[in-house]
Amino acid sequence: MEAKFLTMFKEVLEITDRELLLEDNFRDYEEWNSLVFLSLIAMIDEEFDVIIEGRDFKQLKTNAEIIETIKKLQS
C-alpha cells in the first residue's frame, strides 16, 4: 500500500524528477498548496475509500502518517 500511495501522491504533486519517501514532511514539498491538498483528499477517498477530515489532516506531517491514518480508517 505504501508504494501505491507514494506513486499516486507523486502524480497528484506532478513530480517526475524525484522519489517521495515515507519520512518526508509533505508540507515541505515545493509543490504543496491548497489545490494539491484537495486533490490528495479526493485521491485518498477514490482509491482507498477513506475520508480524512480536515481537522485530522492538519495533525499529519509525514507521508507515513497519512498512510497510517488511511490504514486505521479502513479497519
PDB file of N, CA and C in Angstrom:
ATOM      1  N   MET A   1       0.813  -1.197   0.000  1.00  0.00           N
ATOM      2  CA  MET A   1       0.000   0.000   0.000  1.00  0.00           C
ATOM      3  C   MET A   1       0.860   1.265   0.000  1.00  0.00           C
ATOM      4  N   GLU A   2       1.977   1.222   0.692  1.00  0.00           N
ATOM      5  CA  GLU A   2       2.861   2.388   0.769  1.00  0.00           C
ATOM      6  C   GLU A   2       3.328   2.823  -0.619  1.00  0.00           C
ATOM      7  N   ALA A   3       3.773   1.862  -1.420  1.00  0.00           N
ATOM      8  CA  ALA A   3       4.270   2.181  -2.762  1.00  0.00           C
ATOM      9  C   ALA A   3       3.156   2.766  -3.626  1.00  0.00           C
ATOM     10  N   LYS A   4       1.960   2.186  -3.526  1.00  0.00           N
ATOM     11  CA  LYS A   4       0.819   2.687  -4.299  1.00  0.00           C
ATOM     12  C   LYS A   4       0.508   4.124  -3.909  1.00  0.00           C
ATOM     13  N   PHE A   5       0.470   4.388  -2.609  1.00  0.00           N
ATOM     14  CA  PHE A   5       0.175   5.744  -2.142  1.00  0.00           C
ATOM     15  C   PHE A   5       1.228   6.729  -2.646  1.00  0.00           C
ATOM     16  N   LEU A   6       2.500   6.395  -2.473  1.00  0.00           N
ATOM     17  CA  LEU A   6       3.563   7.316  -2.878  1.00  0.00           C
ATOM     18  C   LEU A   6       3.536   7.575  -4.385  1.00  0.00           C
ATOM     19  N   THR A   7       3.269   6.553  -5.163  1.00  0.00           N
ATOM     20  CA  THR A   7       3.178   6.724  -6.618  1.00  0.00           C
ATOM     21  C   THR A   7       2.021   7.659  -6.978  1.00  0.00           C
ATOM     22  N   MET A   8       0.889   7.449  -6.353  1.00  0.00           N
ATOM     23  CA  MET A   8      -0.272   8.277  -6.644  1.00  0.00           C
ATOM     24  C   MET A   8      -0.075   9.709  -6.141  1.00  0.00           C
ATOM     25  N   PHE A   9       0.572   9.847  -4.997  1.00  0.00           N
ATOM     26  CA  PHE A   9       0.834  11.185  -4.457  1.00  0.00           C
ATOM     27  C   PHE A   9       1.784  11.942  -5.388  1.00  0.00           C
ATOM     28  N   LYS A  10       2.772  11.249  -5.945  1.00  0.00           N
ATOM     29  CA  LYS A  10       3.671  11.878  -6.922  1.00  0.00           C
ATOM     30  C   LYS A  10       2.881  12.410  -8.110  1.00  0.00           C
ATOM     31  N   GLU A  11       1.888  11.647  -8.563  1.00  0.00           N
ATOM     32  CA  GLU A  11       1.053  12.091  -9.678  1.00  0.00           C
ATOM     33  C   GLU A  11       0.251  13.335  -9.301  1.00  0.00           C
ATOM     34  N   VAL A  12      -0.310  13.337  -8.093  1.00  0.00           N
ATOM     35  CA  VAL A  12      -1.072  14.492  -7.625  1.00  0.00           C
ATOM     36  C   VAL A  12      -0.167  15.730  -7.578  1.00  0.00           C
ATOM     37  N   LEU A  13       1.055  15.547  -7.094  1.00  0.00           N
ATOM     38  CA  LEU A  13       2.009  16.651  -6.993  1.00  0.00           C
ATOM     39  C   LEU A  13       2.655  17.002  -8.331  1.00  0.00           C
ATOM     40  N   GLU A  14       2.470  16.128  -9.326  1.00  0.00           N
ATOM     41  CA  GLU A  14       3.093  16.294 -10.641  1.00  0.00           C
ATOM     42  C   GLU A  14       4.614  16.317 -10.542  1.00  0.00           C
ATOM     43  N   ILE A  15       5.147  15.424  -9.729  1.00  0.00           N
ATOM     44  CA  ILE A  15       6.595  15.286  -9.554  1.00  0.00           C
ATOM     45  C   ILE A  15       7.086  14.162 -10.463  1.00  0.00           C
ATOM     46  N   THR A  16       8.101  14.453 -11.255  1.00  0.00           N
ATOM     47  CA  THR A  16       8.666  13.439 -12.149  1.00  0.00           C
ATOM     48  C   THR A  16      10.168  13.254 -11.964  1.00  0.00           C
ATOM     49  N   ASP A  17      10.790  14.162 -11.212  1.00  0.00           N
ATOM     50  CA  ASP A  17      12.258  14.160 -11.145  1.00  0.00           C
ATOM     51  C   ASP A  17      12.837  13.612  -9.846  1.00  0.00           C
ATOM     52  N   ARG A  18      11.978  13.127  -8.950  1.00  0.00           N
ATOM     53  CA  ARG A  18      12.492  12.580  -7.687  1.00  0.00           C
ATOM     54  C   ARG A  18      11.464  11.640  -7.071  1.00  0.00           C
ATOM     55  N   GLU A  19      11.933  10.856  -6.107  1.00  0.00           N
ATOM     56  CA  GLU A  19      11.064   9.928  -5.384  1.00  0.00           C
ATOM     57  C   GLU A  19      10.576  10.577  -4.091  1.00  0.00           C
ATOM     58  N   LEU A  20       9.433  10.138  -3.640  1.00  0.00           N
ATOM     59  CA  LEU A  20       8.924  10.557  -2.337  1.00  0.00           C
ATOM     60  C   LEU A  20       9.285   9.482  -1.330  1.00  0.00           C
ATOM     61  N   LEU A  21       9.573   9.904  -0.122  1.00  0.00           N
ATOM     62  CA  LEU A  21       9.924   8.971   0.940  1.00  0.00           C
ATOM     63  C   LEU A  21       8.859   9.003   2.033  1.00  0.00           C
ATOM     64  N   LEU A  22       8.732   7.897   2.745  1.00  0.00           N
ATOM     65  CA  LEU A  22       7.745   7.822   3.822  1.00  0.00           C
ATOM     66  C   LEU A  22       7.983   8.883   4.880  1.00  0.00           C
ATOM     67  N   GLU A  23       9.254   9.154   5.172  1.00  0.00           N
ATOM     68  CA  GLU A  23       9.563  10.092   6.248  1.00  0.00           C
ATOM     69  C   GLU A  23       9.527  11.559   5.826  1.00  0.00           C
ATOM     70  N   ASP A  24       9.266  11.832   4.551  1.00  0.00           N
ATOM     71  CA  ASP A  24       9.179  13.217   4.077  1.00  0.00           C
ATOM     72  C   ASP A  24       8.038  13.956   4.760  1.00  0.00           C
ATOM     73  N   ASN A  25       8.296  15.220   5.103  1.00  0.00           N
ATOM     74  CA  ASN A  25       7.224  16.096   5.553  1.00  0.00           C
ATOM     75  C   ASN A  25       6.595  16.666   4.289  1.00  0.00           C
ATOM     76  N   PHE A  26       5.407  16.179   3.960  1.00  0.00           N
ATOM     77  CA  PHE A  26       4.794  16.553   2.687  1.00  0.00           C
ATOM     78  C   PHE A  26       4.499  18.036   2.582  1.00  0.00           C
ATOM     79  N   ARG A  27       4.342  18.709   3.705  1.00  0.00           N
ATOM     80  CA  ARG A  27       4.075  20.151   3.668  1.00  0.00           C
ATOM     81  C   ARG A  27       5.307  20.945   3.228  1.00  0.00           C
ATOM     82  N   ASP A  28       6.471  20.309   3.244  1.00  0.00           N
ATOM     83  CA  ASP A  28       7.699  20.960   2.800  1.00  0.00           C
ATOM     84  C   ASP A  28       7.924  20.851   1.295  1.00  0.00           C
ATOM     85  N   TYR A  29       7.108  20.051   0.617  1.00  0.00           N
ATOM     86  CA  TYR A  29       7.254  19.945  -0.836  1.00  0.00           C
ATOM     87  C   TYR A  29       6.970  21.300  -1.474  1.00  0.00           C
ATOM     88  N   GLU A  30       7.827  21.675  -2.381  1.00  0.00           N
ATOM     89  CA  GLU A  30       7.652  22.938  -3.098  1.00  0.00           C
ATOM     90  C   GLU A  30       6.293  22.987  -3.802  1.00  0.00           C
ATOM     91  N   GLU A  31       5.814  21.830  -4.233  1.00  0.00           N
ATOM     92  CA  GLU A  31       4.565  21.736  -4.987  1.00  0.00           C
ATOM     93  C   GLU A  31       3.310  21.772  -4.113  1.00  0.00           C
ATOM     94  N   TRP A  32       3.473  21.662  -2.785  1.00  0.00           N
ATOM     95  CA  TRP A  32       2.325  21.583  -1.876  1.00  0.00           C
ATOM     96  C   TRP A  32       1.563  22.906  -1.854  1.00  0.00           C
ATOM     97  N   ASN A  33       0.255  22.833  -2.062  1.00  0.00           N
ATOM     98  CA  ASN A  33      -0.611  24.003  -1.964  1.00  0.00           C
ATOM     99  C   ASN A  33      -2.042  23.531  -1.706  1.00  0.00           C
ATOM    100  N   SER A  34      -2.969  24.454  -1.633  1.00  0.00           N
ATOM    101  CA  SER A  34      -4.342  24.091  -1.291  1.00  0.00           C
ATOM    102  C   SER A  34      -5.002  23.233  -2.373  1.00  0.00           C
ATOM    103  N   LEU A  35      -4.665  23.439  -3.623  1.00  0.00           N
ATOM    104  CA  LEU A  35      -5.227  22.616  -4.692  1.00  0.00           C
ATOM    105  C   LEU A  35      -4.714  21.180  -4.603  1.00  0.00           C
ATOM    106  N   VAL A  36      -3.425  21.019  -4.297  1.00  0.00           N
ATOM    107  CA  VAL A  36      -2.854  19.683  -4.113  1.00  0.00           C
ATOM    108  C   VAL A  36      -3.528  19.005  -2.917  1.00  0.00           C
ATOM    109  N   PHE A  37      -3.761  19.749  -1.852  1.00  0.00           N
ATOM    110  CA  PHE A  37      -4.450  19.203  -0.679  1.00  0.00           C
ATOM    111  C   PHE A  37      -5.810  18.625  -1.080  1.00  0.00           C
ATOM    112  N   LEU A  38      -6.600  19.393  -1.811  1.00  0.00           N
ATOM    113  CA  LEU A  38      -7.920  18.927  -2.231  1.00  0.00           C
ATOM    114  C   LEU A  38      -7.813  17.718  -3.151  1.00  0.00           C
ATOM    115  N   SER A  39      -6.851  17.737  -4.048  1.00  0.00           N
ATOM    116  CA  SER A  39      -6.646  16.607  -4.958  1.00  0.00           C
ATOM    117  C   SER A  39      -6.232  15.360  -4.189  1.00  0.00           C
ATOM    118  N   LEU A  40      -5.384  15.535  -3.183  1.00  0.00           N
ATOM    119  CA  LEU A  40      -4.942  14.411  -2.364  1.00  0.00           C
ATOM    120  C   LEU A  40      -6.113  13.805  -1.593  1.00  0.00           C
ATOM    121  N   ILE A  41      -6.932  14.642  -1.000  1.00  0.00           N
ATOM    122  CA  ILE A  41      -8.105  14.165  -0.258  1.00  0.00           C
ATOM    123  C   ILE A  41      -9.027  13.380  -1.193  1.00  0.00           C
ATOM    124  N   ALA A  42      -9.235  13.895  -2.405  1.00  0.00           N
ATOM    125  CA  ALA A  42     -10.090  13.212  -3.383  1.00  0.00           C
ATOM    126  C   ALA A  42      -9.477  11.879  -3.806  1.00  0.00           C
ATOM    127  N   MET A  43      -8.168  11.843  -4.015  1.00  0.00           N
ATOM    128  CA  MET A  43      -7.480  10.618  -4.410  1.00  0.00           C
ATOM    129  C   MET A  43      -7.581   9.564  -3.315  1.00  0.00           C
ATOM    130  N   ILE A  44      -7.400   9.960  -2.070  1.00  0.00           N
ATOM    131  CA  ILE A  44      -7.493   9.024  -0.946  1.00  0.00           C
ATOM    132  C   ILE A  44      -8.909   8.456  -0.864  1.00  0.00           C
ATOM    133  N   ASP A  45      -9.896   9.309  -1.035  1.00  0.00           N
ATOM    134  CA  ASP A  45     -11.291   8.858  -0.999  1.00  0.00           C
ATOM    135  C   ASP A  45     -11.558   7.865  -2.131  1.00  0.00           C
ATOM    136  N   GLU A  46     -11.126   8.206  -3.336  1.00  0.00           N
ATOM    137  CA  GLU A  46     -11.403   7.364  -4.506  1.00  0.00           C
ATOM    138  C   GLU A  46     -10.647   6.038  -4.464  1.00  0.00           C
ATOM    139  N   GLU A  47      -9.371   6.082  -4.146  1.00  0.00           N
ATOM    140  CA  GLU A  47      -8.529   4.889  -4.227  1.00  0.00           C
ATOM    141  C   GLU A  47      -8.582   3.998  -2.987  1.00  0.00           C
ATOM    142  N   PHE A  48      -8.777   4.617  -1.816  1.00  0.00           N
ATOM    143  CA  PHE A  48      -8.719   3.855  -0.571  1.00  0.00           C
ATOM    144  C   PHE A  48     -10.056   3.839   0.174  1.00  0.00           C
ATOM    145  N   ASP A  49     -11.057   4.531  -0.384  1.00  0.00           N
ATOM    146  CA  ASP A  49     -12.401   4.579   0.199  1.00  0.00           C
ATOM    147  C   ASP A  49     -12.370   5.070   1.641  1.00  0.00           C
ATOM    148  N   VAL A  50     -11.606   6.138   1.851  1.00  0.00           N
ATOM    149  CA  VAL A  50     -11.418   6.717   3.180  1.00  0.00           C
ATOM    150  C   VAL A  50     -11.504   8.231   3.061  1.00  0.00           C
ATOM    151  N   ILE A  51     -12.148   8.849   4.038  1.00  0.00           N
ATOM    152  CA  ILE A  51     -12.183  10.309   4.086  1.00  0.00           C
ATOM    153  C   ILE A  51     -11.470  10.756   5.356  1.00  0.00           C
ATOM    154  N   ILE A  52     -10.414  11.535   5.168  1.00  0.00           N
ATOM    155  CA  ILE A  52      -9.696  12.108   6.307  1.00  0.00           C
ATOM    156  C   ILE A  52     -10.246  13.521   6.501  1.00  0.00           C
ATOM    157  N   GLU A  53     -10.839  13.749   7.641  1.00  0.00           N
ATOM    158  CA  GLU A  53     -11.413  15.058   7.945  1.00  0.00           C
ATOM    159  C   GLU A  53     -10.318  16.121   8.006  1.00  0.00           C
ATOM    160  N   GLY A  54     -10.660  17.341   7.645  1.00  0.00           N
ATOM    161  CA  GLY A  54      -9.698  18.440   7.615  1.00  0.00           C
ATOM    162  C   GLY A  54      -8.974  18.649   8.930  1.00  0.00           C
ATOM    163  N   ARG A  55      -9.715  18.603  10.027  1.00  0.00           N
ATOM    164  CA  ARG A  55      -9.084  18.825  11.341  1.00  0.00           C
ATOM    165  C   ARG A  55      -8.088  17.721  11.673  1.00  0.00           C
ATOM    166  N   ASP A  56      -8.386  16.493  11.219  1.00  0.00           N
ATOM    167  CA  ASP A  56      -7.467  15.379  11.441  1.00  0.00           C
ATOM    168  C   ASP A  56      -6.250  15.500  10.523  1.00  0.00           C
ATOM    169  N   PHE A  57      -6.494  15.920   9.292  1.00  0.00           N
ATOM    170  CA  PHE A  57      -5.401  16.043   8.337  1.00  0.00           C
ATOM    171  C   PHE A  57      -4.387  17.091   8.800  1.00  0.00           C
ATOM    172  N   LYS A  58      -4.856  18.130   9.455  1.00  0.00           N
ATOM    173  CA  LYS A  58      -3.961  19.193   9.935  1.00  0.00           C
ATOM    174  C   LYS A  58      -2.905  18.665  10.903  1.00  0.00           C
ATOM    175  N   GLN A  59      -3.202  17.551  11.568  1.00  0.00           N
ATOM    176  CA  GLN A  59      -2.276  16.968  12.540  1.00  0.00           C
ATOM    177  C   GLN A  59      -1.164  16.151  11.868  1.00  0.00           C
ATOM    178  N   LEU A  60      -1.366  15.786  10.610  1.00  0.00           N
ATOM    179  CA  LEU A  60      -0.422  14.914   9.910  1.00  0.00           C
ATOM    180  C   LEU A  60       0.743  15.717   9.354  1.00  0.00           C
ATOM    181  N   LYS A  61       1.933  15.093   9.405  1.00  0.00           N
ATOM    182  CA  LYS A  61       3.135  15.791   8.931  1.00  0.00           C
ATOM    183  C   LYS A  61       3.883  15.016   7.858  1.00  0.00           C
ATOM    184  N   THR A  62       3.906  13.705   7.959  1.00  0.00           N
ATOM    185  CA  THR A  62       4.710  12.913   7.022  1.00  0.00           C
ATOM    186  C   THR A  62       3.825  12.017   6.147  1.00  0.00           C
ATOM    187  N   ASN A  63       4.417  11.544   5.072  1.00  0.00           N
ATOM    188  CA  ASN A  63       3.704  10.602   4.210  1.00  0.00           C
ATOM    189  C   ASN A  63       3.320   9.347   4.991  1.00  0.00           C
ATOM    190  N   ALA A  64       4.211   8.889   5.867  1.00  0.00           N
ATOM    191  CA  ALA A  64       3.936   7.705   6.681  1.00  0.00           C
ATOM    192  C   ALA A  64       2.717   7.927   7.571  1.00  0.00           C
ATOM    193  N   GLU A  65       2.562   9.124   8.119  1.00  0.00           N
ATOM    194  CA  GLU A  65       1.410   9.414   8.967  1.00  0.00           C
ATOM    195  C   GLU A  65       0.106   9.391   8.172  1.00  0.00           C
ATOM    196  N   ILE A  66       0.154   9.861   6.928  1.00  0.00           N
ATOM    197  CA  ILE A  66      -1.042   9.780   6.077  1.00  0.00           C
ATOM    198  C   ILE A  66      -1.417   8.316   5.862  1.00  0.00           C
ATOM    199  N   ILE A  67      -0.431   7.505   5.532  1.00  0.00           N
ATOM    200  CA  ILE A  67      -0.670   6.086   5.271  1.00  0.00           C
ATOM    201  C   ILE A  67      -1.218   5.394   6.510  1.00  0.00           C
ATOM    202  N   GLU A  68      -0.646   5.672   7.666  1.00  0.00           N
ATOM    203  CA  GLU A  68      -1.140   5.057   8.907  1.00  0.00           C
ATOM    204  C   GLU A  68      -2.583   5.467   9.190  1.00  0.00           C
ATOM    205  N   THR A  69      -2.915   6.712   8.898  1.00  0.00           N
ATOM    206  CA  THR A  69      -4.279   7.183   9.101  1.00  0.00           C
ATOM    207  C   THR A  69      -5.242   6.467   8.157  1.00  0.00           C
ATOM    208  N   ILE A  70      -4.841   6.300   6.908  1.00  0.00           N
ATOM    209  CA  ILE A  70      -5.666   5.554   5.955  1.00  0.00           C
ATOM    210  C   ILE A  70      -5.911   4.136   6.462  1.00  0.00           C
ATOM    211  N   LYS A  71      -4.847   3.480   6.913  1.00  0.00           N
ATOM    212  CA  LYS A  71      -4.979   2.107   7.410  1.00  0.00           C
ATOM    213  C   LYS A  71      -5.934   2.021   8.601  1.00  0.00           C
ATOM    214  N   LYS A  72      -5.825   2.972   9.521  1.00  0.00           N
ATOM    215  CA  LYS A  72      -6.704   2.982  10.697  1.00  0.00           C
ATOM    216  C   LYS A  72      -8.159   3.170  10.294  1.00  0.00           C
ATOM    217  N   LEU A  73      -8.402   4.063   9.337  1.00  0.00           N
ATOM    218  CA  LEU A  73      -9.781   4.349   8.923  1.00  0.00           C
ATOM    219  C   LEU A  73     -10.372   3.218   8.090  1.00  0.00           C
ATOM    220  N   GLN A  74      -9.525   2.402   7.480  1.00  0.00           N
ATOM    221  CA  GLN A  74     -10.020   1.279   6.702  1.00  0.00           C
ATOM    222  C   GLN A  74     -10.417   0.096   7.583  1.00  0.00           C
ATOM    223  N   SER A  75      -9.892   0.049   8.786  1.00  0.00           N
ATOM    224  CA  SER A  75     -10.182  -1.125   9.627  1.00  0.00           C
ATOM    225  C   SER A  75     -11.393  -0.914  10.511  1.00  0.00           C
TER     226      SER A  75
END
